[in-house]
């Protein structure tokens, strides 16, 4: 049993309709006061909440997150992405892509038993981030 899930670190949603994408981005930016740290019209808007959680909105021009479907993707913060991935794969959970790494972080997307896409997020392995 893996006992290293610390919280939610990511929420992503993909919207196929440009008007809905624009409305959601406007809601987060103009009403809730979140400042996007990355924004590409009709493709993506990334926001960071006060606790560090990232909120990503993907639009119709984004092709990398089509697997999210119509449901939000929630990311679970773990100590070791690869160990947690191994435990999940050991019980038959399907991972959609190889584990990705950038800027000291690692993440991996999987399809839960409910059919929705989820994500594991954690620090990149030390050997991958070293010099």
N, C-alpha and C. Protein backbone atom coordinates (compact mmCIF):
# COMPACT_ATOMS: atom_id res chain seq x y z
N UNK A 1 0.84 -1.18 0.00
CA UNK A 1 0.00 0.00 0.00
C UNK A 1 0.89 1.24 0.00
N UNK A 2 0.56 2.19 -0.85
CA UNK A 2 1.28 3.46 -0.92
C UNK A 2 0.64 4.42 0.06
N UNK A 3 1.44 5.03 0.92
CA UNK A 3 0.90 5.98 1.91
C UNK A 3 1.60 7.32 1.81
N UNK A 4 1.71 7.84 0.60
CA UNK A 4 2.43 9.09 0.46
C UNK A 4 1.66 10.14 -0.33
N UNK A 5 0.34 10.11 -0.29
CA UNK A 5 -0.46 11.12 -0.96
C UNK A 5 -0.69 12.27 0.02
N UNK A 6 -0.23 13.47 -0.36
CA UNK A 6 -0.23 14.61 0.56
C UNK A 6 -1.33 15.62 0.30
N UNK A 7 -1.92 15.60 -0.87
CA UNK A 7 -2.96 16.58 -1.17
C UNK A 7 -3.17 16.69 -2.66
N UNK A 8 -3.94 17.68 -3.02
CA UNK A 8 -4.20 17.95 -4.43
C UNK A 8 -3.25 19.05 -4.88
N UNK A 9 -2.58 18.84 -6.00
CA UNK A 9 -1.63 19.82 -6.48
C UNK A 9 -1.95 20.35 -7.85
N UNK A 10 -3.02 19.82 -8.47
CA UNK A 10 -3.32 20.18 -9.85
C UNK A 10 -4.79 19.95 -10.13
N UNK A 11 -5.37 20.86 -10.88
CA UNK A 11 -6.69 20.66 -11.44
C UNK A 11 -6.63 21.18 -12.86
N UNK A 12 -6.95 20.32 -13.81
CA UNK A 12 -6.94 20.71 -15.21
C UNK A 12 -8.26 20.36 -15.85
N UNK A 13 -8.68 21.22 -16.77
CA UNK A 13 -9.91 20.96 -17.51
C UNK A 13 -9.68 21.36 -18.96
N UNK A 14 -10.24 20.58 -19.87
CA UNK A 14 -10.13 20.91 -21.30
C UNK A 14 -11.51 21.19 -21.84
N UNK A 15 -11.62 22.31 -22.53
CA UNK A 15 -12.89 22.73 -23.09
C UNK A 15 -12.77 22.81 -24.60
N UNK A 16 -13.60 22.07 -25.30
CA UNK A 16 -13.55 22.02 -26.75
C UNK A 16 -14.14 23.28 -27.38
N UNK A 17 -15.01 23.96 -26.67
CA UNK A 17 -15.69 25.15 -27.19
C UNK A 17 -14.92 26.42 -26.81
N UNK A 18 -14.57 27.23 -27.82
CA UNK A 18 -13.77 28.44 -27.58
C UNK A 18 -14.47 29.43 -26.66
N UNK A 19 -15.79 29.58 -26.80
CA UNK A 19 -16.53 30.52 -25.95
C UNK A 19 -16.50 30.07 -24.49
N UNK A 20 -16.64 28.78 -24.25
CA UNK A 20 -16.58 28.28 -22.87
C UNK A 20 -15.18 28.45 -22.30
N UNK A 21 -14.16 28.19 -23.11
CA UNK A 21 -12.77 28.39 -22.68
C UNK A 21 -12.58 29.85 -22.23
N UNK A 22 -12.99 30.79 -23.09
CA UNK A 22 -12.84 32.21 -22.78
C UNK A 22 -13.62 32.59 -21.53
N UNK A 23 -14.82 32.06 -21.36
CA UNK A 23 -15.63 32.36 -20.18
C UNK A 23 -14.98 31.84 -18.90
N UNK A 24 -14.43 30.64 -18.94
CA UNK A 24 -13.78 30.07 -17.75
C UNK A 24 -12.53 30.86 -17.40
N UNK A 25 -11.71 31.18 -18.40
CA UNK A 25 -10.50 31.97 -18.14
C UNK A 25 -10.89 33.33 -17.55
N UNK A 26 -11.90 33.96 -18.11
CA UNK A 26 -12.36 35.25 -17.62
C UNK A 26 -12.85 35.15 -16.17
N UNK A 27 -13.57 34.10 -15.84
CA UNK A 27 -14.05 33.90 -14.48
C UNK A 27 -12.89 33.84 -13.49
N UNK A 28 -11.89 33.02 -13.79
CA UNK A 28 -10.75 32.87 -12.88
C UNK A 28 -9.93 34.16 -12.81
N UNK A 29 -9.71 34.79 -13.95
CA UNK A 29 -8.86 35.99 -14.01
C UNK A 29 -9.60 37.24 -13.52
N UNK A 30 -10.76 37.51 -14.09
CA UNK A 30 -11.42 38.80 -13.87
C UNK A 30 -12.33 38.83 -12.64
N UNK A 31 -12.86 37.69 -12.24
CA UNK A 31 -13.75 37.66 -11.08
C UNK A 31 -13.01 37.18 -9.84
N UNK A 32 -12.25 36.11 -9.96
CA UNK A 32 -11.54 35.57 -8.80
C UNK A 32 -10.15 36.19 -8.61
N UNK A 33 -9.68 36.96 -9.59
CA UNK A 33 -8.43 37.68 -9.44
C UNK A 33 -7.17 36.85 -9.60
N UNK A 34 -7.28 35.67 -10.19
CA UNK A 34 -6.09 34.85 -10.42
C UNK A 34 -5.33 35.41 -11.62
N UNK A 35 -4.02 35.42 -11.53
CA UNK A 35 -3.18 35.95 -12.60
C UNK A 35 -2.56 34.77 -13.35
N UNK A 36 -2.82 34.65 -14.65
CA UNK A 36 -2.22 33.54 -15.38
C UNK A 36 -0.70 33.70 -15.47
N UNK A 37 0.04 32.61 -15.21
CA UNK A 37 1.48 32.67 -15.40
C UNK A 37 1.86 32.17 -16.79
N UNK A 38 0.88 31.62 -17.50
CA UNK A 38 1.05 31.28 -18.91
C UNK A 38 -0.33 31.37 -19.55
N UNK A 39 -0.41 32.05 -20.69
CA UNK A 39 -1.70 32.19 -21.37
C UNK A 39 -1.47 32.25 -22.87
N UNK A 40 -2.14 31.36 -23.58
CA UNK A 40 -2.14 31.34 -25.04
C UNK A 40 -3.61 31.26 -25.46
N UNK A 41 -4.14 32.34 -26.03
CA UNK A 41 -5.57 32.37 -26.38
C UNK A 41 -6.02 31.12 -27.16
N UNK A 42 -7.17 30.60 -26.76
CA UNK A 42 -7.79 29.40 -27.34
C UNK A 42 -6.97 28.13 -27.16
N UNK A 43 -5.83 28.20 -26.48
CA UNK A 43 -5.03 26.99 -26.25
C UNK A 43 -4.92 26.66 -24.77
N UNK A 44 -4.48 27.61 -23.94
CA UNK A 44 -4.30 27.30 -22.52
C UNK A 44 -4.20 28.56 -21.69
N UNK A 45 -4.54 28.40 -20.43
CA UNK A 45 -4.31 29.42 -19.40
C UNK A 45 -3.96 28.67 -18.12
N UNK A 46 -2.81 28.99 -17.56
CA UNK A 46 -2.36 28.34 -16.33
C UNK A 46 -2.35 29.36 -15.21
N UNK A 47 -2.94 28.97 -14.09
CA UNK A 47 -3.00 29.81 -12.89
C UNK A 47 -2.36 29.05 -11.73
N UNK A 48 -1.82 29.79 -10.77
CA UNK A 48 -1.27 29.17 -9.55
C UNK A 48 -2.01 29.76 -8.37
N UNK A 49 -2.57 28.90 -7.53
CA UNK A 49 -3.27 29.35 -6.33
C UNK A 49 -2.28 29.67 -5.22
N UNK A 50 -2.76 30.29 -4.17
CA UNK A 50 -1.91 30.71 -3.07
C UNK A 50 -1.12 29.61 -2.40
N UNK A 51 -1.65 28.38 -2.42
CA UNK A 51 -0.94 27.27 -1.78
C UNK A 51 -0.02 26.53 -2.76
N UNK A 52 0.10 27.04 -4.00
CA UNK A 52 0.96 26.42 -4.99
C UNK A 52 0.24 25.48 -5.95
N UNK A 53 -1.00 25.14 -5.65
CA UNK A 53 -1.78 24.30 -6.55
C UNK A 53 -1.92 24.99 -7.90
N UNK A 54 -1.76 24.22 -8.97
CA UNK A 54 -1.92 24.79 -10.30
C UNK A 54 -3.29 24.44 -10.87
N UNK A 55 -3.89 25.42 -11.51
CA UNK A 55 -5.19 25.29 -12.16
C UNK A 55 -4.96 25.58 -13.64
N UNK A 56 -5.11 24.56 -14.48
CA UNK A 56 -4.87 24.70 -15.91
C UNK A 56 -6.19 24.58 -16.66
N UNK A 57 -6.41 25.50 -17.59
CA UNK A 57 -7.57 25.46 -18.46
C UNK A 57 -7.04 25.31 -19.88
N UNK A 58 -7.48 24.24 -20.56
CA UNK A 58 -7.04 23.98 -21.92
C UNK A 58 -8.20 24.22 -22.87
N UNK A 59 -7.91 24.87 -23.98
CA UNK A 59 -8.93 25.22 -24.95
C UNK A 59 -8.91 24.35 -26.18
N UNK A 60 -9.71 24.71 -27.19
CA UNK A 60 -9.89 23.88 -28.37
C UNK A 60 -8.62 23.73 -29.21
N UNK A 61 -7.67 24.62 -29.09
CA UNK A 61 -6.44 24.50 -29.87
C UNK A 61 -5.39 23.64 -29.17
N UNK A 62 -5.67 23.16 -27.98
CA UNK A 62 -4.76 22.27 -27.27
C UNK A 62 -5.06 20.83 -27.68
N UNK A 63 -4.04 20.14 -28.14
CA UNK A 63 -4.22 18.74 -28.54
C UNK A 63 -3.57 17.76 -27.58
N UNK A 64 -2.80 18.27 -26.62
CA UNK A 64 -2.07 17.41 -25.70
C UNK A 64 -2.93 16.83 -24.59
N UNK A 65 -4.10 17.41 -24.34
CA UNK A 65 -4.91 16.98 -23.20
C UNK A 65 -6.30 16.51 -23.60
N UNK A 66 -6.44 16.06 -24.82
CA UNK A 66 -7.73 15.55 -25.31
C UNK A 66 -8.21 14.38 -24.45
N UNK A 67 -7.27 13.62 -23.91
CA UNK A 67 -7.63 12.45 -23.09
C UNK A 67 -8.41 12.83 -21.84
N UNK A 68 -8.34 14.10 -21.40
CA UNK A 68 -9.11 14.52 -20.24
C UNK A 68 -10.61 14.37 -20.49
N UNK A 69 -11.02 14.44 -21.76
CA UNK A 69 -12.45 14.37 -22.05
C UNK A 69 -13.18 15.54 -21.46
N UNK A 70 -14.39 15.30 -20.99
CA UNK A 70 -15.23 16.36 -20.44
C UNK A 70 -15.10 16.52 -18.92
N UNK A 71 -14.22 15.74 -18.31
CA UNK A 71 -14.09 15.77 -16.85
C UNK A 71 -12.80 16.46 -16.43
N UNK A 72 -12.82 17.13 -15.29
CA UNK A 72 -11.57 17.70 -14.78
C UNK A 72 -10.57 16.60 -14.43
N UNK A 73 -9.31 16.91 -14.57
CA UNK A 73 -8.22 16.01 -14.18
C UNK A 73 -7.65 16.55 -12.88
N UNK A 74 -7.60 15.70 -11.86
CA UNK A 74 -7.09 16.08 -10.55
C UNK A 74 -5.72 15.44 -10.35
N UNK A 75 -4.77 16.23 -9.87
CA UNK A 75 -3.43 15.74 -9.61
C UNK A 75 -3.18 15.53 -8.14
N UNK A 76 -2.72 14.35 -7.78
CA UNK A 76 -2.40 14.00 -6.39
C UNK A 76 -0.91 14.21 -6.15
N UNK A 77 -0.56 14.92 -5.08
CA UNK A 77 0.83 15.16 -4.73
C UNK A 77 1.35 13.94 -3.95
N UNK A 78 2.45 13.36 -4.45
CA UNK A 78 3.04 12.18 -3.82
C UNK A 78 4.54 12.41 -3.61
N UNK A 79 5.15 11.60 -2.74
CA UNK A 79 6.59 11.69 -2.49
C UNK A 79 7.40 11.17 -3.66
N UNK A 80 6.93 10.09 -4.29
CA UNK A 80 7.70 9.41 -5.32
C UNK A 80 6.75 8.97 -6.43
N UNK A 81 6.77 9.70 -7.54
CA UNK A 81 5.86 9.41 -8.64
C UNK A 81 6.08 8.00 -9.18
N UNK A 82 7.32 7.60 -9.38
CA UNK A 82 7.58 6.28 -9.98
C UNK A 82 7.16 5.14 -9.06
N UNK A 83 7.42 5.26 -7.77
CA UNK A 83 7.01 4.20 -6.84
C UNK A 83 5.49 4.10 -6.79
N UNK A 84 4.81 5.25 -6.76
CA UNK A 84 3.35 5.25 -6.72
C UNK A 84 2.80 4.71 -8.03
N UNK A 85 3.41 5.11 -9.14
CA UNK A 85 3.00 4.59 -10.44
C UNK A 85 3.14 3.06 -10.46
N UNK A 86 4.25 2.57 -9.98
CA UNK A 86 4.46 1.12 -9.95
C UNK A 86 3.40 0.40 -9.15
N UNK A 87 3.03 0.97 -8.00
CA UNK A 87 1.99 0.35 -7.17
C UNK A 87 0.65 0.33 -7.91
N UNK A 88 0.33 1.42 -8.59
CA UNK A 88 -0.94 1.48 -9.34
C UNK A 88 -0.92 0.53 -10.53
N UNK A 89 0.20 0.50 -11.26
CA UNK A 89 0.30 -0.43 -12.39
C UNK A 89 0.21 -1.88 -11.92
N UNK A 90 0.69 -2.12 -10.70
CA UNK A 90 0.65 -3.47 -10.14
C UNK A 90 -0.76 -3.99 -9.92
N UNK A 91 -1.72 -3.10 -9.84
CA UNK A 91 -3.11 -3.52 -9.68
C UNK A 91 -3.92 -3.25 -10.96
N UNK A 92 -3.19 -3.01 -12.06
CA UNK A 92 -3.85 -2.91 -13.35
C UNK A 92 -4.27 -1.53 -13.82
N UNK A 93 -3.83 -0.47 -13.12
CA UNK A 93 -4.18 0.88 -13.55
C UNK A 93 -3.40 1.23 -14.82
N UNK A 94 -4.10 1.82 -15.79
CA UNK A 94 -3.51 2.18 -17.08
C UNK A 94 -2.94 3.60 -17.04
N UNK A 95 -1.66 3.74 -17.36
CA UNK A 95 -1.05 5.06 -17.50
C UNK A 95 -1.06 5.44 -18.97
N UNK A 96 -1.34 6.70 -19.23
CA UNK A 96 -1.55 7.15 -20.60
C UNK A 96 -0.27 7.45 -21.35
N UNK A 97 0.75 7.93 -20.63
CA UNK A 97 2.01 8.31 -21.25
C UNK A 97 3.15 7.98 -20.29
N UNK A 98 4.38 8.01 -20.79
CA UNK A 98 5.52 7.87 -19.87
C UNK A 98 5.52 9.02 -18.86
N UNK A 99 6.14 8.80 -17.72
CA UNK A 99 6.29 9.86 -16.73
C UNK A 99 7.07 11.01 -17.35
N UNK A 100 6.61 12.22 -17.10
CA UNK A 100 7.25 13.41 -17.63
C UNK A 100 7.97 14.14 -16.51
N UNK A 101 9.01 14.90 -16.87
CA UNK A 101 9.79 15.66 -15.89
C UNK A 101 10.20 17.00 -16.45
N UNK A 102 10.17 18.00 -15.59
CA UNK A 102 10.66 19.33 -15.96
C UNK A 102 10.79 20.16 -14.70
N UNK A 103 11.84 20.96 -14.66
CA UNK A 103 12.06 21.93 -13.58
C UNK A 103 11.94 21.30 -12.19
N UNK A 104 12.53 20.11 -12.02
CA UNK A 104 12.54 19.47 -10.71
C UNK A 104 11.26 18.77 -10.31
N UNK A 105 10.29 18.70 -11.22
CA UNK A 105 9.01 18.03 -10.93
C UNK A 105 8.80 16.87 -11.88
N UNK A 106 8.07 15.89 -11.43
CA UNK A 106 7.68 14.75 -12.26
C UNK A 106 6.17 14.59 -12.17
N UNK A 107 5.57 14.08 -13.27
CA UNK A 107 4.13 13.84 -13.26
C UNK A 107 3.80 12.73 -14.24
N UNK A 108 2.71 12.03 -13.93
CA UNK A 108 2.25 10.92 -14.77
C UNK A 108 0.72 10.86 -14.71
N UNK A 109 0.10 10.72 -15.88
CA UNK A 109 -1.36 10.67 -15.99
C UNK A 109 -1.83 9.23 -16.11
N UNK A 110 -2.92 8.92 -15.41
CA UNK A 110 -3.51 7.59 -15.48
C UNK A 110 -5.02 7.68 -15.56
N UNK A 111 -5.60 6.60 -16.03
CA UNK A 111 -7.06 6.51 -16.10
C UNK A 111 -7.54 5.71 -14.90
N UNK A 112 -8.39 6.34 -14.09
CA UNK A 112 -8.92 5.69 -12.90
C UNK A 112 -10.00 4.68 -13.26
N UNK A 113 -10.40 3.86 -12.30
CA UNK A 113 -11.45 2.87 -12.54
C UNK A 113 -12.77 3.49 -12.97
N UNK A 114 -12.96 4.79 -12.67
CA UNK A 114 -14.18 5.50 -13.06
C UNK A 114 -14.13 6.01 -14.50
N UNK A 115 -12.98 5.81 -15.17
CA UNK A 115 -12.82 6.26 -16.54
C UNK A 115 -12.24 7.65 -16.68
N UNK A 116 -12.11 8.38 -15.58
CA UNK A 116 -11.54 9.73 -15.62
C UNK A 116 -10.03 9.69 -15.58
N UNK A 117 -9.41 10.77 -16.06
CA UNK A 117 -7.95 10.89 -16.05
C UNK A 117 -7.53 11.61 -14.78
N UNK A 118 -6.51 11.07 -14.11
CA UNK A 118 -5.92 11.64 -12.91
C UNK A 118 -4.42 11.78 -13.14
N UNK A 119 -3.75 12.43 -12.19
CA UNK A 119 -2.33 12.67 -12.33
C UNK A 119 -1.64 12.47 -10.99
N UNK A 120 -0.42 11.96 -11.04
CA UNK A 120 0.48 11.94 -9.88
C UNK A 120 1.49 13.04 -10.09
N UNK A 121 1.80 13.80 -9.05
CA UNK A 121 2.77 14.90 -9.13
C UNK A 121 3.72 14.77 -7.96
N UNK A 122 5.01 14.96 -8.22
CA UNK A 122 5.99 14.94 -7.13
C UNK A 122 7.32 15.44 -7.63
N UNK A 123 8.31 15.39 -6.74
CA UNK A 123 9.64 15.83 -7.14
C UNK A 123 10.24 14.85 -8.16
N UNK A 124 11.02 15.41 -9.07
CA UNK A 124 11.74 14.55 -10.02
C UNK A 124 12.80 13.77 -9.24
N UNK A 125 13.11 12.56 -9.68
CA UNK A 125 14.18 11.81 -9.00
C UNK A 125 15.49 12.61 -8.99
N UNK A 126 16.25 12.48 -7.93
CA UNK A 126 17.49 13.25 -7.76
C UNK A 126 18.42 13.06 -8.94
N UNK A 127 18.57 11.85 -9.45
CA UNK A 127 19.49 11.60 -10.54
C UNK A 127 19.04 12.29 -11.83
N UNK A 128 17.74 12.53 -11.96
CA UNK A 128 17.26 13.21 -13.17
C UNK A 128 17.46 14.70 -13.08
N UNK A 129 17.57 15.25 -11.87
CA UNK A 129 17.71 16.70 -11.72
C UNK A 129 19.16 17.10 -11.48
N UNK A 130 20.04 16.14 -11.22
CA UNK A 130 21.44 16.47 -10.96
C UNK A 130 22.14 16.90 -12.25
N UNK A 131 23.05 17.90 -12.10
CA UNK A 131 23.88 18.49 -13.12
C UNK A 131 23.75 17.96 -14.44
